[in-house]
């Protein structure tokens, strides 16, 4: 699904937000919840990349040429490579986990000094519907609930940006139709016709590029770069202007 408009734009947004937060290349990177590896080429720009996922099916059919290694997660975080990591990506994972703050605490323990976690989550709890259930989501977040989870994990948000902002009215309409039983949830996971996918991809990529410079308002999703609460900016490092 790397060609799907949603994934195309998110890849650009991840790269933009990491750069706005001052994430530098050259360290070790962990893609926690790597799935089939579609984020590998982006995350590998920041260093030696490792991936873990809880789905043997995803690992069996993925493309992992950008990774130094991938492994299957087991109970009690078995399968995690040894840290520390300068960057940990946790993209669309927290909503699948019962103890989301606990997961972030474990990831924080794998960070190198000055390291960061780059996360993304679905937003707007009122939009929870059968599409979320099919995707295995336990929740959608509000800005307030996400802030509590980040704080409970001993982290603080350094940079953020909304995603699927321009297309939010269409997304809201579709979600309400699904909730009313007037639209099929499966359409969210299907690749649109090529012209539509190209149009939506252009909009989402433009949003992703904008995240390099500004914090877009809350969208259907949210991306954040978070660091341990005690992190202090290094000499010459600027705190990014953020909304």
Protein backbone atom coordinates (compact mmCIF):
# COMPACT_ATOMS: atom_id res chain seq x y z
CA UNK A 1 0.00 0.00 0.00
CA UNK A 2 3.03 2.27 -0.30
CA UNK A 3 1.38 3.91 -3.33
CA UNK A 4 -1.82 4.77 -1.41
CA UNK A 5 -2.22 8.53 -0.99
CA UNK A 6 -2.44 8.28 2.81
CA UNK A 7 0.90 6.51 3.15
CA UNK A 8 2.60 8.77 0.62
CA UNK A 9 1.70 11.91 2.50
CA UNK A 10 2.47 10.45 5.91
CA UNK A 11 5.98 9.47 4.80
CA UNK A 12 6.66 13.08 3.78
CA UNK A 13 5.14 14.41 7.03
CA UNK A 14 7.31 12.09 9.13
CA UNK A 15 10.47 13.29 7.40
CA UNK A 16 9.41 16.94 7.67
CA UNK A 17 8.49 16.80 11.35
CA UNK A 18 11.67 14.94 12.31
CA UNK A 19 13.73 17.62 10.60
CA UNK A 20 11.76 20.43 12.23
CA UNK A 21 12.42 18.83 15.62
CA UNK A 22 16.16 18.74 14.96
CA UNK A 23 16.52 14.97 14.62
CA UNK A 24 19.94 14.38 13.10
CA UNK A 25 21.27 11.50 11.04
CA UNK A 26 23.95 9.07 12.08
CA UNK A 27 22.50 7.19 15.04
CA UNK A 28 20.57 3.96 15.44
CA UNK A 29 16.87 3.97 14.54
CA UNK A 30 14.08 1.60 15.62
CA UNK A 31 10.85 1.24 13.65
CA UNK A 32 8.54 -0.14 16.33
CA UNK A 33 5.58 -1.63 14.48
CA UNK A 34 7.34 -1.70 11.13
CA UNK A 35 4.57 -3.71 9.41
CA UNK A 36 5.65 -4.55 5.87
CA UNK A 37 8.48 -2.02 5.93
CA UNK A 38 7.01 0.79 3.84
CA UNK A 39 8.54 3.48 6.11
CA UNK A 40 12.02 1.98 5.86
CA UNK A 41 13.42 4.24 3.10
CA UNK A 42 12.38 7.35 5.06
CA UNK A 43 13.57 6.26 8.51
CA UNK A 44 16.88 4.91 7.18
CA UNK A 45 17.85 8.50 6.33
CA UNK A 46 18.40 9.03 10.05
CA UNK A 47 20.71 6.11 10.68
CA UNK A 48 21.12 2.36 10.96
CA UNK A 49 17.55 1.04 10.95
CA UNK A 50 16.03 -1.90 12.80
CA UNK A 51 12.41 -3.02 12.73
CA UNK A 52 10.10 -5.02 14.98
CA UNK A 53 6.47 -6.00 14.56
CA UNK A 54 3.94 -8.26 16.24
CA UNK A 55 2.54 -9.69 12.99
CA UNK A 56 4.39 -12.65 11.48
CA UNK A 57 2.25 -12.26 8.35
CA UNK A 58 3.47 -8.68 7.83
CA UNK A 59 7.09 -9.67 8.35
CA UNK A 60 6.72 -12.60 5.95
CA UNK A 61 5.45 -10.50 3.05
CA UNK A 62 7.23 -7.18 3.61
CA UNK A 63 10.12 -5.45 1.90
CA UNK A 64 12.97 -4.76 4.31
CA UNK A 65 15.91 -3.78 2.14
CA UNK A 66 16.37 -0.53 4.11
CA UNK A 67 16.63 -2.37 7.45
CA UNK A 68 19.69 -3.92 9.09
CA UNK A 69 17.34 -6.47 10.62
CA UNK A 70 13.72 -7.12 11.57
CA UNK A 71 12.33 -9.31 14.33
CA UNK A 72 9.02 -10.57 15.68
CA UNK A 73 7.80 -9.10 18.94
CA UNK A 74 6.95 -11.58 21.67
CA UNK A 75 5.49 -11.35 25.16
CA UNK A 76 7.16 -8.96 27.60
CA UNK A 77 8.78 -7.08 24.72
CA UNK A 78 10.71 -10.14 23.58
CA UNK A 79 12.29 -9.63 20.18
CA UNK A 80 13.33 -6.03 20.79
CA UNK A 81 16.89 -5.29 19.66
CA UNK A 82 19.19 -3.76 22.23
CA UNK A 83 19.27 0.00 22.50
CA UNK A 84 20.11 2.71 22.69
CA UNK A 85 18.43 4.39 19.74
CA UNK A 86 18.66 8.02 18.70
CA UNK A 87 15.21 7.81 17.08
CA UNK A 88 12.30 5.45 17.65
CA UNK A 89 9.35 5.57 15.26
CA UNK A 90 6.05 4.43 16.75
CA UNK A 91 3.69 5.11 13.88
CA UNK A 92 0.02 4.21 14.29
CA UNK A 93 0.79 1.74 17.05
CA UNK A 94 -0.42 3.28 20.34
CA UNK A 95 -4.09 2.97 19.39
CA UNK A 96 -3.65 -0.83 19.18
CA UNK A 97 -2.16 -1.19 22.68
CA UNK A 98 -4.10 -1.41 25.95
CA UNK A 99 -1.33 0.25 27.98
CA UNK A 100 -0.26 2.99 25.62
CA UNK A 101 1.62 5.01 28.26
CA UNK A 102 3.38 1.84 29.39
CA UNK A 103 4.59 1.19 25.83
CA UNK A 104 5.93 4.74 25.57
CA UNK A 105 7.75 4.27 28.89
CA UNK A 106 9.43 1.13 27.54
CA UNK A 107 10.46 2.95 24.37
CA UNK A 108 11.79 5.87 26.41
CA UNK A 109 14.06 3.40 28.19
CA UNK A 110 15.61 2.46 24.83
CA UNK A 111 16.52 6.04 23.89
CA UNK A 112 20.06 7.30 23.71
CA UNK A 113 20.76 10.62 25.46
CA UNK A 114 19.06 13.32 23.41
CA UNK A 115 16.99 10.71 21.55
CA UNK A 116 13.40 11.14 20.43
CA UNK A 117 10.25 9.13 19.78
CA UNK A 118 8.33 10.01 16.62
CA UNK A 119 4.72 8.89 16.94
CA UNK A 120 1.48 9.14 15.02
CA UNK A 121 -2.05 8.33 16.17
CA UNK A 122 -5.61 8.65 14.86
CA UNK A 123 -7.48 11.63 16.29
CA UNK A 124 -11.08 12.64 17.06
CA UNK A 125 -12.75 10.05 19.34
CA UNK A 126 -16.20 10.97 18.00
CA UNK A 127 -15.22 9.44 14.66
CA UNK A 128 -14.56 5.96 16.08
CA UNK A 129 -16.48 3.47 13.92
CA UNK A 130 -16.33 0.01 12.39
CA UNK A 131 -13.36 1.08 10.24
CA UNK A 132 -11.36 1.49 13.46
CA UNK A 133 -12.54 -1.87 14.73
CA UNK A 134 -11.49 -3.56 11.48
CA UNK A 135 -8.07 -1.93 11.81
CA UNK A 136 -7.72 -3.21 15.39
CA UNK A 137 -7.94 0.22 17.02
CA UNK A 138 -8.88 0.42 20.69
CA UNK A 139 -9.34 4.19 20.64
CA UNK A 140 -8.91 7.45 18.80
CA UNK A 141 -7.22 10.35 20.62
CA UNK A 142 -7.96 13.96 21.39
CA UNK A 143 -5.15 16.47 21.88
CA UNK A 144 -5.88 16.30 25.62
CA UNK A 145 -5.88 12.52 25.91
CA UNK A 146 -2.69 12.21 23.86
CA UNK A 147 -1.01 14.86 26.02
CA UNK A 148 -1.88 12.83 29.14
CA UNK A 149 -0.39 9.65 27.68
CA UNK A 150 2.81 11.45 26.67
CA UNK A 151 3.13 13.07 30.11
CA UNK A 152 2.38 9.80 31.95
CA UNK A 153 5.28 8.22 30.06
CA UNK A 154 7.65 10.94 31.29
CA UNK A 155 7.90 12.55 27.87
CA UNK A 156 7.16 15.99 26.50
CA UNK A 157 6.10 17.08 23.04
CA UNK A 158 8.74 19.00 21.13
CA UNK A 159 7.02 19.30 17.74
CA UNK A 160 3.63 18.34 16.38
CA UNK A 161 1.49 18.63 13.29
CA UNK A 162 -1.92 17.46 12.16
CA UNK A 163 -2.30 15.19 9.16
CA UNK A 164 -5.25 14.85 6.76
CA UNK A 165 -6.28 18.42 7.50
CA UNK A 166 -7.35 19.68 4.07
CA UNK A 167 -9.33 16.49 3.47
CA UNK A 168 -10.86 16.48 6.94
CA UNK A 169 -14.36 17.57 5.84
CA UNK A 170 -14.56 14.66 3.37
CA UNK A 171 -13.19 12.28 5.99
CA UNK A 172 -15.72 13.49 8.56
CA UNK A 173 -18.57 12.97 6.10
CA UNK A 174 -17.45 9.46 5.19
CA UNK A 175 -17.02 8.47 8.84
CA UNK A 176 -20.51 9.68 9.70
CA UNK A 177 -21.97 7.74 6.78
CA UNK A 178 -20.17 4.63 8.01
CA UNK A 179 -21.49 5.19 11.53
CA UNK A 180 -25.01 5.44 10.07
CA UNK A 181 -24.54 2.29 7.98
CA UNK A 182 -24.79 4.25 4.71
CA UNK A 183 -21.19 3.65 3.58
CA UNK A 184 -18.76 0.73 3.73
CA UNK A 185 -15.85 0.98 6.13
CA UNK A 186 -13.69 -1.10 3.78
CA UNK A 187 -13.41 1.76 1.30
CA UNK A 188 -10.92 3.47 3.62
CA UNK A 189 -8.44 0.65 3.07
CA UNK A 190 -8.82 0.30 -0.69
CA UNK A 191 -6.62 2.00 -3.25
CA UNK A 192 -8.73 4.64 -5.06
CA UNK A 193 -8.84 4.96 -8.83
CA UNK A 194 -5.55 6.31 -10.17
CA UNK A 195 -6.72 9.92 -10.88
CA UNK A 196 -8.34 10.21 -7.44
CA UNK A 197 -5.33 8.68 -5.72
CA UNK A 198 -3.06 11.13 -7.55
CA UNK A 199 -5.19 14.11 -6.51
CA UNK A 200 -5.43 13.04 -2.87
CA UNK A 201 -1.75 12.16 -2.88
CA UNK A 202 -0.85 15.65 -4.07
CA UNK A 203 -2.84 17.23 -1.25
CA UNK A 204 -1.43 14.93 1.41
CA UNK A 205 2.16 15.38 0.22
CA UNK A 206 1.68 19.17 0.31
CA UNK A 207 0.52 18.87 3.93
CA UNK A 208 3.51 16.71 4.71
CA UNK A 209 5.90 19.29 3.29
CA UNK A 210 4.21 22.08 5.22
CA UNK A 211 4.88 20.21 8.48
CA UNK A 212 8.57 21.05 7.98
CA UNK A 213 7.83 24.67 8.79
CA UNK A 214 4.53 24.94 10.70
CA UNK A 215 2.31 22.96 13.03
CA UNK A 216 -0.85 22.22 11.11
CA UNK A 217 -4.08 22.14 13.14
CA UNK A 218 -5.48 18.79 14.31
CA UNK A 219 -6.54 16.55 11.44
CA UNK A 220 -7.73 12.99 11.13
CA UNK A 221 -4.30 12.02 12.50
CA UNK A 222 -1.57 13.67 14.57
CA UNK A 223 2.20 13.33 14.39
CA UNK A 224 4.47 14.30 17.27
CA UNK A 225 8.14 14.20 18.17
CA UNK A 226 8.47 13.62 21.92
CA UNK A 227 11.54 13.52 24.14
CA UNK A 228 12.20 12.65 27.80
CA UNK A 229 10.82 15.37 30.05
CA UNK A 230 14.28 16.23 31.38
CA UNK A 231 15.79 16.77 27.93
CA UNK A 232 17.66 20.04 27.56
CA UNK A 233 18.52 21.57 24.22
CA UNK A 234 22.17 21.22 23.26
CA UNK A 235 24.31 24.25 22.50
CA UNK A 236 23.19 25.68 19.17
CA UNK A 237 20.01 23.59 19.07
CA UNK A 238 16.87 25.67 18.70
CA UNK A 239 13.49 24.74 20.10
CA UNK A 240 11.16 24.66 17.08
CA UNK A 241 8.32 27.16 17.01
CA UNK A 242 5.20 25.10 17.45
CA UNK A 243 1.52 25.60 17.99
